[in-house]
Amino acid sequence: MHMGADTYRELIATKGNVQCLLEKQEPVDHCRFCIHCREFRINGEWVKSPSLAYCVKSRVTGKVDLSKVEAVKCADRQQEGFHNFASIIG
């Protein structure tokens, strides 16, 4: 199933954390390893997530200054929460 940009959740970063699920916050640092993470907003600009490094379509390999993240663009619409991409490629 393809998700358009309008289907992403925008999670606001507060003190280095995002509200991943209603009952659970996650450190922004975890997002860079999450299969749902698409982009980080830094200084008002969206930057692709390093978690897309193994995505055949994206192949992102850049680094992100996680200390400056204002928000996270998240593709998790099923309320699965943090899901480490290493469990898929490992």
PDB file of N, CA and C in Angstrom:
ATOM      1  N   MET A   1       0.833  -1.182   0.000  1.00  0.00           N
ATOM      2  CA  MET A   1       0.000   0.000   0.000  1.00  0.00           C
ATOM      3  C   MET A   1       0.874   1.239   0.000  1.00  0.00           C
ATOM      4  N   HIS A   2       0.597   2.161  -0.881  1.00  0.00           N
ATOM      5  CA  HIS A   2       1.359   3.397  -0.976  1.00  0.00           C
ATOM      6  C   HIS A   2       0.725   4.465  -0.100  1.00  0.00           C
ATOM      7  N   MET A   3       1.554   5.177   0.666  1.00  0.00           N
ATOM      8  CA  MET A   3       1.059   6.265   1.498  1.00  0.00           C
ATOM      9  C   MET A   3       1.513   7.581   0.900  1.00  0.00           C
ATOM     10  N   GLY A   4       0.619   8.483   0.663  1.00  0.00           N
ATOM     11  CA  GLY A   4       0.969   9.805   0.187  1.00  0.00           C
ATOM     12  C   GLY A   4       1.446  10.678   1.330  1.00  0.00           C
ATOM     13  N   ALA A   5       2.029  11.817   1.000  1.00  0.00           N
ATOM     14  CA  ALA A   5       2.561  12.727   2.014  1.00  0.00           C
ATOM     15  C   ALA A   5       1.479  13.190   2.983  1.00  0.00           C
ATOM     16  N   ASP A   6       0.229  13.241   2.524  1.00  0.00           N
ATOM     17  CA  ASP A   6      -0.852  13.708   3.380  1.00  0.00           C
ATOM     18  C   ASP A   6      -1.277  12.667   4.413  1.00  0.00           C
ATOM     19  N   THR A   7      -0.756  11.466   4.347  1.00  0.00           N
ATOM     20  CA  THR A   7      -1.118  10.431   5.304  1.00  0.00           C
ATOM     21  C   THR A   7      -0.120  10.305   6.454  1.00  0.00           C
ATOM     22  N   TYR A   8       0.954  11.057   6.413  1.00  0.00           N
ATOM     23  CA  TYR A   8       1.947  10.997   7.485  1.00  0.00           C
ATOM     24  C   TYR A   8       1.466  11.756   8.718  1.00  0.00           C
ATOM     25  N   ARG A   9       1.901  11.273   9.862  1.00  0.00           N
ATOM     26  CA  ARG A   9       1.665  12.003  11.110  1.00  0.00           C
ATOM     27  C   ARG A   9       2.872  12.901  11.345  1.00  0.00           C
ATOM     28  N   GLU A  10       2.641  14.098  11.841  1.00  0.00           N
ATOM     29  CA  GLU A  10       3.744  14.990  12.212  1.00  0.00           C
ATOM     30  C   GLU A  10       3.816  15.006  13.727  1.00  0.00           C
ATOM     31  N   LEU A  11       4.904  14.436  14.241  1.00  0.00           N
ATOM     32  CA  LEU A  11       5.099  14.337  15.683  1.00  0.00           C
ATOM     33  C   LEU A  11       6.030  15.462  16.127  1.00  0.00           C
ATOM     34  N   ILE A  12       5.552  16.326  16.998  1.00  0.00           N
ATOM     35  CA  ILE A  12       6.346  17.449  17.482  1.00  0.00           C
ATOM     36  C   ILE A  12       7.351  16.949  18.514  1.00  0.00           C
ATOM     37  N   ALA A  13       8.600  17.367  18.353  1.00  0.00           N
ATOM     38  CA  ALA A  13       9.651  16.981  19.294  1.00  0.00           C
ATOM     39  C   ALA A  13       9.664  17.960  20.467  1.00  0.00           C
ATOM     40  N   THR A  14       9.631  17.401  21.672  1.00  0.00           N
ATOM     41  CA  THR A  14       9.684  18.185  22.895  1.00  0.00           C
ATOM     42  C   THR A  14      10.733  17.576  23.809  1.00  0.00           C
ATOM     43  N   LYS A  15      11.762  18.360  24.098  1.00  0.00           N
ATOM     44  CA  LYS A  15      12.858  17.893  24.966  1.00  0.00           C
ATOM     45  C   LYS A  15      13.453  16.584  24.460  1.00  0.00           C
ATOM     46  N   GLY A  16      13.597  16.464  23.129  1.00  0.00           N
ATOM     47  CA  GLY A  16      14.232  15.296  22.536  1.00  0.00           C
ATOM     48  C   GLY A  16      13.360  14.068  22.412  1.00  0.00           C
ATOM     49  N   ASN A  17      12.049  14.222  22.661  1.00  0.00           N
ATOM     50  CA  ASN A  17      11.116  13.095  22.582  1.00  0.00           C
ATOM     51  C   ASN A  17       9.947  13.429  21.678  1.00  0.00           C
ATOM     52  N   VAL A  18       9.304  12.375  21.149  1.00  0.00           N
ATOM     53  CA  VAL A  18       8.067  12.526  20.389  1.00  0.00           C
ATOM     54  C   VAL A  18       7.020  11.595  20.992  1.00  0.00           C
ATOM     55  N   GLN A  19       5.755  11.971  20.836  1.00  0.00           N
ATOM     56  CA  GLN A  19       4.658  11.145  21.322  1.00  0.00           C
ATOM     57  C   GLN A  19       4.359  10.103  20.246  1.00  0.00           C
ATOM     58  N   CYS A  20       5.046   8.980  20.318  1.00  0.00           N
ATOM     59  CA  CYS A  20       4.957   7.920  19.318  1.00  0.00           C
ATOM     60  C   CYS A  20       3.559   7.299  19.317  1.00  0.00           C
ATOM     61  N   LEU A  21       3.099   6.917  20.473  1.00  0.00           N
ATOM     62  CA  LEU A  21       1.759   6.377  20.681  1.00  0.00           C
ATOM     63  C   LEU A  21       1.103   7.200  21.782  1.00  0.00           C
ATOM     64  N   LEU A  22      -0.200   7.119  21.913  1.00  0.00           N
ATOM     65  CA  LEU A  22      -0.883   7.882  22.955  1.00  0.00           C
ATOM     66  C   LEU A  22      -0.287   7.627  24.331  1.00  0.00           C
ATOM     67  N   GLU A  23       0.092   6.384  24.580  1.00  0.00           N
ATOM     68  CA  GLU A  23       0.594   6.013  25.895  1.00  0.00           C
ATOM     69  C   GLU A  23       2.121   5.930  25.973  1.00  0.00           C
ATOM     70  N   LYS A  24       2.810   6.288  24.878  1.00  0.00           N
ATOM     71  CA  LYS A  24       4.261   6.090  24.890  1.00  0.00           C
ATOM     72  C   LYS A  24       5.021   7.155  24.115  1.00  0.00           C
ATOM     73  N   GLN A  25       6.005   7.748  24.790  1.00  0.00           N
ATOM     74  CA  GLN A  25       6.936   8.651  24.129  1.00  0.00           C
ATOM     75  C   GLN A  25       8.179   7.867  23.746  1.00  0.00           C
ATOM     76  N   GLU A  26       8.848   8.325  22.705  1.00  0.00           N
ATOM     77  CA  GLU A  26      10.113   7.725  22.274  1.00  0.00           C
ATOM     78  C   GLU A  26      11.126   8.848  22.088  1.00  0.00           C
ATOM     79  N   PRO A  27      12.379   8.576  22.398  1.00  0.00           N
ATOM     80  CA  PRO A  27      13.418   9.557  22.090  1.00  0.00           C
ATOM     81  C   PRO A  27      13.535   9.734  20.571  1.00  0.00           C
ATOM     82  N   VAL A  28      13.777  10.958  20.125  1.00  0.00           N
ATOM     83  CA  VAL A  28      13.962  11.229  18.697  1.00  0.00           C
ATOM     84  C   VAL A  28      15.071  10.343  18.136  1.00  0.00           C
ATOM     85  N   ASP A  29      16.053  10.033  18.962  1.00  0.00           N
ATOM     86  CA  ASP A  29      17.162   9.171  18.550  1.00  0.00           C
ATOM     87  C   ASP A  29      16.669   7.817  18.044  1.00  0.00           C
ATOM     88  N   HIS A  30      15.587   7.300  18.621  1.00  0.00           N
ATOM     89  CA  HIS A  30      15.039   6.016  18.177  1.00  0.00           C
ATOM     90  C   HIS A  30      14.437   6.121  16.776  1.00  0.00           C
ATOM     91  N   CYS A  31      13.906   7.292  16.442  1.00  0.00           N
ATOM     92  CA  CYS A  31      13.242   7.480  15.147  1.00  0.00           C
ATOM     93  C   CYS A  31      14.183   7.190  13.977  1.00  0.00           C
ATOM     94  N   ARG A  32      15.447   7.478  14.135  1.00  0.00           N
ATOM     95  CA  ARG A  32      16.372   7.245  13.013  1.00  0.00           C
ATOM     96  C   ARG A  32      16.554   5.763  12.706  1.00  0.00           C
ATOM     97  N   PHE A  33      16.060   4.898  13.595  1.00  0.00           N
ATOM     98  CA  PHE A  33      16.126   3.450  13.384  1.00  0.00           C
ATOM     99  C   PHE A  33      14.752   2.836  13.123  1.00  0.00           C
ATOM    100  N   CYS A  34      13.720   3.668  13.033  1.00  0.00           N
ATOM    101  CA  CYS A  34      12.346   3.177  12.944  1.00  0.00           C
ATOM    102  C   CYS A  34      11.871   3.089  11.493  1.00  0.00           C
ATOM    103  N   ILE A  35      11.227   1.986  11.150  1.00  0.00           N
ATOM    104  CA  ILE A  35      10.741   1.791   9.782  1.00  0.00           C
ATOM    105  C   ILE A  35       9.646   2.794   9.401  1.00  0.00           C
ATOM    106  N   HIS A  36       9.019   3.420  10.376  1.00  0.00           N
ATOM    107  CA  HIS A  36       7.945   4.368  10.100  1.00  0.00           C
ATOM    108  C   HIS A  36       8.436   5.791   9.854  1.00  0.00           C
ATOM    109  N   CYS A  37       9.641   6.096  10.305  1.00  0.00           N
ATOM    110  CA  CYS A  37      10.165   7.462  10.213  1.00  0.00           C
ATOM    111  C   CYS A  37      10.532   7.807   8.770  1.00  0.00           C
ATOM    112  N   ARG A  38      10.047   8.949   8.290  1.00  0.00           N
ATOM    113  CA  ARG A  38      10.321   9.382   6.925  1.00  0.00           C
ATOM    114  C   ARG A  38      11.223  10.601   6.860  1.00  0.00           C
ATOM    115  N   GLU A  39      10.953  11.585   7.726  1.00  0.00           N
ATOM    116  CA  GLU A  39      11.727  12.824   7.682  1.00  0.00           C
ATOM    117  C   GLU A  39      11.782  13.475   9.053  1.00  0.00           C
ATOM    118  N   PHE A  40      12.796  14.324   9.224  1.00  0.00           N
ATOM    119  CA  PHE A  40      12.945  15.147  10.415  1.00  0.00           C
ATOM    120  C   PHE A  40      12.870  16.610   9.990  1.00  0.00           C
ATOM    121  N   ARG A  41      12.186  17.434  10.790  1.00  0.00           N
ATOM    122  CA  ARG A  41      12.176  18.871  10.510  1.00  0.00           C
ATOM    123  C   ARG A  41      13.228  19.547  11.375  1.00  0.00           C
ATOM    124  N   ILE A  42      14.161  20.224  10.703  1.00  0.00           N
ATOM    125  CA  ILE A  42      15.232  20.947  11.376  1.00  0.00           C
ATOM    126  C   ILE A  42      15.265  22.350  10.793  1.00  0.00           C
ATOM    127  N   ASN A  43      15.162  23.353  11.657  1.00  0.00           N
ATOM    128  CA  ASN A  43      15.137  24.753  11.226  1.00  0.00           C
ATOM    129  C   ASN A  43      14.086  24.986  10.139  1.00  0.00           C
ATOM    130  N   GLY A  44      12.930  24.349  10.288  1.00  0.00           N
ATOM    131  CA  GLY A  44      11.823  24.546   9.361  1.00  0.00           C
ATOM    132  C   GLY A  44      11.914  23.771   8.061  1.00  0.00           C
ATOM    133  N   GLU A  45      12.993  23.031   7.844  1.00  0.00           N
ATOM    134  CA  GLU A  45      13.193  22.266   6.600  1.00  0.00           C
ATOM    135  C   GLU A  45      13.100  20.771   6.894  1.00  0.00           C
ATOM    136  N   TRP A  46      12.472  20.030   5.979  1.00  0.00           N
ATOM    137  CA  TRP A  46      12.364  18.579   6.134  1.00  0.00           C
ATOM    138  C   TRP A  46      13.588  17.897   5.531  1.00  0.00           C
ATOM    139  N   VAL A  47      14.187  16.985   6.316  1.00  0.00           N
ATOM    140  CA  VAL A  47      15.371  16.230   5.923  1.00  0.00           C
ATOM    141  C   VAL A  47      15.022  14.748   5.994  1.00  0.00           C
ATOM    142  N   LYS A  48      15.359  13.986   4.968  1.00  0.00           N
ATOM    143  CA  LYS A  48      15.061  12.541   4.941  1.00  0.00           C
ATOM    144  C   LYS A  48      15.712  11.835   6.124  1.00  0.00           C
ATOM    145  N   SER A  49      15.030  10.836   6.632  1.00  0.00           N
ATOM    146  CA  SER A  49      15.515  10.071   7.773  1.00  0.00           C
ATOM    147  C   SER A  49      16.581   9.061   7.360  1.00  0.00           C
ATOM    148  N   PRO A  50      17.620   8.898   8.194  1.00  0.00           N
ATOM    149  CA  PRO A  50      18.615   7.853   7.930  1.00  0.00           C
ATOM    150  C   PRO A  50      18.005   6.455   7.934  1.00  0.00           C
ATOM    151  N   SER A  51      16.820   6.301   8.509  1.00  0.00           N
ATOM    152  CA  SER A  51      16.174   4.982   8.512  1.00  0.00           C
ATOM    153  C   SER A  51      15.818   4.531   7.100  1.00  0.00           C
ATOM    154  N   LEU A  52      15.848   5.455   6.143  1.00  0.00           N
ATOM    155  CA  LEU A  52      15.543   5.118   4.751  1.00  0.00           C
ATOM    156  C   LEU A  52      16.778   4.630   3.985  1.00  0.00           C
ATOM    157  N   ALA A  53      17.890   4.465   4.663  1.00  0.00           N
ATOM    158  CA  ALA A  53      19.128   4.026   4.006  1.00  0.00           C
ATOM    159  C   ALA A  53      18.966   2.681   3.311  1.00  0.00           C
ATOM    160  N   TYR A  54      18.108   1.823   3.845  1.00  0.00           N
ATOM    161  CA  TYR A  54      17.920   0.501   3.255  1.00  0.00           C
ATOM    162  C   TYR A  54      16.700   0.434   2.347  1.00  0.00           C
ATOM    163  N   CYS A  55      16.038   1.564   2.160  1.00  0.00           N
ATOM    164  CA  CYS A  55      14.872   1.624   1.278  1.00  0.00           C
ATOM    165  C   CYS A  55      15.354   1.698  -0.172  1.00  0.00           C
ATOM    166  N   VAL A  56      14.936   0.766  -0.982  1.00  0.00           N
ATOM    167  CA  VAL A  56      15.372   0.716  -2.380  1.00  0.00           C
ATOM    168  C   VAL A  56      15.003   2.003  -3.116  1.00  0.00           C
ATOM    169  N   LYS A  57      13.881   2.576  -2.778  1.00  0.00           N
ATOM    170  CA  LYS A  57      13.416   3.792  -3.442  1.00  0.00           C
ATOM    171  C   LYS A  57      14.218   5.027  -3.014  1.00  0.00           C
ATOM    172  N   SER A  58      14.577   5.134  -1.733  1.00  0.00           N
ATOM    173  CA  SER A  58      15.195   6.354  -1.212  1.00  0.00           C
ATOM    174  C   SER A  58      16.718   6.315  -1.128  1.00  0.00           C
ATOM    175  N   ARG A  59      17.249   5.254  -0.548  1.00  0.00           N
ATOM    176  CA  ARG A  59      18.699   5.100  -0.361  1.00  0.00           C
ATOM    177  C   ARG A  59      19.352   6.305   0.306  1.00  0.00           C
ATOM    178  N   VAL A  60      18.722   6.840   1.346  1.00  0.00           N
ATOM    179  CA  VAL A  60      19.254   7.981   2.084  1.00  0.00           C
ATOM    180  C   VAL A  60      20.457   7.544   2.892  1.00  0.00           C
ATOM    181  N   THR A  61      21.522   8.316   2.851  1.00  0.00           N
ATOM    182  CA  THR A  61      22.707   7.967   3.628  1.00  0.00           C
ATOM    183  C   THR A  61      23.253   9.143   4.432  1.00  0.00           C
ATOM    184  N   GLY A  62      22.572  10.279   4.401  1.00  0.00           N
ATOM    185  CA  GLY A  62      23.046  11.462   5.115  1.00  0.00           C
ATOM    186  C   GLY A  62      22.843  11.368   6.614  1.00  0.00           C
ATOM    187  N   LYS A  63      23.562  12.225   7.338  1.00  0.00           N
ATOM    188  CA  LYS A  63      23.434  12.278   8.788  1.00  0.00           C
ATOM    189  C   LYS A  63      22.481  13.404   9.159  1.00  0.00           C
ATOM    190  N   VAL A  64      21.839  13.245  10.295  1.00  0.00           N
ATOM    191  CA  VAL A  64      20.889  14.228  10.790  1.00  0.00           C
ATOM    192  C   VAL A  64      21.322  14.648  12.191  1.00  0.00           C
ATOM    193  N   ASP A  65      21.353  15.965  12.441  1.00  0.00           N
ATOM    194  CA  ASP A  65      21.663  16.472  13.779  1.00  0.00           C
ATOM    195  C   ASP A  65      20.401  16.340  14.621  1.00  0.00           C
ATOM    196  N   LEU A  66      20.292  15.244  15.344  1.00  0.00           N
ATOM    197  CA  LEU A  66      19.085  14.935  16.102  1.00  0.00           C
ATOM    198  C   LEU A  66      18.826  15.917  17.232  1.00  0.00           C
ATOM    199  N   SER A  67      19.843  16.643  17.676  1.00  0.00           N
ATOM    200  CA  SER A  67      19.653  17.619  18.748  1.00  0.00           C
ATOM    201  C   SER A  67      18.854  18.826  18.272  1.00  0.00           C
ATOM    202  N   LYS A  68      18.700  18.993  16.956  1.00  0.00           N
ATOM    203  CA  LYS A  68      17.992  20.147  16.398  1.00  0.00           C
ATOM    204  C   LYS A  68      16.621  19.790  15.816  1.00  0.00           C
ATOM    205  N   VAL A  69      16.190  18.548  16.005  1.00  0.00           N
ATOM    206  CA  VAL A  69      14.923  18.100  15.424  1.00  0.00           C
ATOM    207  C   VAL A  69      13.739  18.788  16.113  1.00  0.00           C
ATOM    208  N   GLU A  70      12.870  19.378  15.290  1.00  0.00           N
ATOM    209  CA  GLU A  70      11.659  20.047  15.770  1.00  0.00           C
ATOM    210  C   GLU A  70      10.432  19.145  15.648  1.00  0.00           C
ATOM    211  N   ALA A  71      10.451  18.271  14.650  1.00  0.00           N
ATOM    212  CA  ALA A  71       9.323  17.369  14.416  1.00  0.00           C
ATOM    213  C   ALA A  71       9.786  16.174  13.598  1.00  0.00           C
ATOM    214  N   VAL A  72       8.976  15.132  13.624  1.00  0.00           N
ATOM    215  CA  VAL A  72       9.256  13.903  12.890  1.00  0.00           C
ATOM    216  C   VAL A  72       8.042  13.590  12.018  1.00  0.00           C
ATOM    217  N   LYS A  73       8.291  13.274  10.751  1.00  0.00           N
ATOM    218  CA  LYS A  73       7.221  12.835   9.853  1.00  0.00           C
ATOM    219  C   LYS A  73       7.182  11.313   9.940  1.00  0.00           C
ATOM    220  N   CYS A  74       6.039  10.796  10.380  1.00  0.00           N
ATOM    221  CA  CYS A  74       5.900   9.377  10.707  1.00  0.00           C
ATOM    222  C   CYS A  74       4.819   8.732   9.845  1.00  0.00           C
ATOM    223  N   ALA A  75       5.112   7.564   9.295  1.00  0.00           N
ATOM    224  CA  ALA A  75       4.170   6.842   8.435  1.00  0.00           C
ATOM    225  C   ALA A  75       3.374   5.783   9.202  1.00  0.00           C
ATOM    226  N   ASP A  76       3.462   5.762  10.508  1.00  0.00           N
ATOM    227  CA  ASP A  76       2.761   4.759  11.320  1.00  0.00           C
ATOM    228  C   ASP A  76       1.298   5.143  11.495  1.00  0.00           C
ATOM    229  N   ARG A  77       0.430   4.577  10.675  1.00  0.00           N
ATOM    230  CA  ARG A  77      -1.007   4.822  10.785  1.00  0.00           C
ATOM    231  C   ARG A  77      -1.724   3.667  11.471  1.00  0.00           C
ATOM    232  N   GLN A  78      -1.006   2.581  11.731  1.00  0.00           N
ATOM    233  CA  GLN A  78      -1.609   1.401  12.353  1.00  0.00           C
ATOM    234  C   GLN A  78      -1.421   1.396  13.872  1.00  0.00           C
ATOM    235  N   GLN A  79      -0.764   2.443  14.391  1.00  0.00           N
ATOM    236  CA  GLN A  79      -0.486   2.535  15.831  1.00  0.00           C
ATOM    237  C   GLN A  79       0.375   1.367  16.327  1.00  0.00           C
ATOM    238  N   GLU A  80       1.392   1.028  15.523  1.00  0.00           N
ATOM    239  CA  GLU A  80       2.335  -0.031  15.903  1.00  0.00           C
ATOM    240  C   GLU A  80       3.430   0.502  16.819  1.00  0.00           C
ATOM    241  N   GLY A  81       3.747   1.776  16.695  1.00  0.00           N
ATOM    242  CA  GLY A  81       4.801   2.363  17.500  1.00  0.00           C
ATOM    243  C   GLY A  81       6.185   2.072  16.920  1.00  0.00           C
ATOM    244  N   PHE A  82       7.187   2.341  17.708  1.00  0.00           N
ATOM    245  CA  PHE A  82       8.569   2.170  17.274  1.00  0.00           C
ATOM    246  C   PHE A  82       8.809   0.749  16.794  1.00  0.00           C
ATOM    247  N   HIS A  83       9.393   0.646  15.606  1.00  0.00           N
ATOM    248  CA  HIS A  83       9.717  -0.664  15.025  1.00  0.00           C
ATOM    249  C   HIS A  83      11.091  -0.553  14.381  1.00  0.00           C
ATOM    250  N   ASN A  84      12.074  -1.153  14.993  1.00  0.00           N
ATOM    251  CA  ASN A  84      13.461  -1.063  14.553  1.00  0.00           C
ATOM    252  C   ASN A  84      13.646  -1.765  13.219  1.00  0.00           C
ATOM    253  N   PHE A  85      14.209  -1.044  12.235  1.00  0.00           N
ATOM    254  CA  PHE A  85      14.393  -1.634  10.899  1.00  0.00           C
ATOM    255  C   PHE A  85      15.406  -2.774  10.912  1.00  0.00           C
ATOM    256  N   ALA A  86      16.245  -2.868  11.939  1.00  0.00           N
ATOM    257  CA  ALA A  86      17.230  -3.946  12.038  1.00  0.00           C
ATOM    258  C   ALA A  86      16.545  -5.318  12.145  1.00  0.00           C
ATOM    259  N   SER A  87      15.338  -5.337  12.676  1.00  0.00           N
ATOM    260  CA  SER A  87      14.631  -6.611  12.788  1.00  0.00           C
ATOM    261  C   SER A  87      14.177  -7.123  11.428  1.00  0.00           C
ATOM    262  N   ILE A  88      14.141  -6.245  10.434  1.00  0.00           N
ATOM    263  CA  ILE A  88      13.744  -6.635   9.090  1.00  0.00           C
ATOM    264  C   ILE A  88      14.945  -7.065   8.258  1.00  0.00           C
ATOM    265  N   ILE A  89      16.058  -6.326   8.392  1.00  0.00           N
ATOM    266  CA  ILE A  89      17.232  -6.615   7.572  1.00  0.00           C
ATOM    267  C   ILE A  89      18.167  -7.618   8.210  1.00  0.00           C
ATOM    268  N   GLY A  90      17.981  -7.881   9.501  1.00  0.00           N
ATOM    269  CA  GLY A  90      18.895  -8.725  10.257  1.00  0.00           C
ATOM    270  C   GLY A  90      18.669 -10.143  10.114  1.00  0.00           C
TER     271      GLY A  90
END
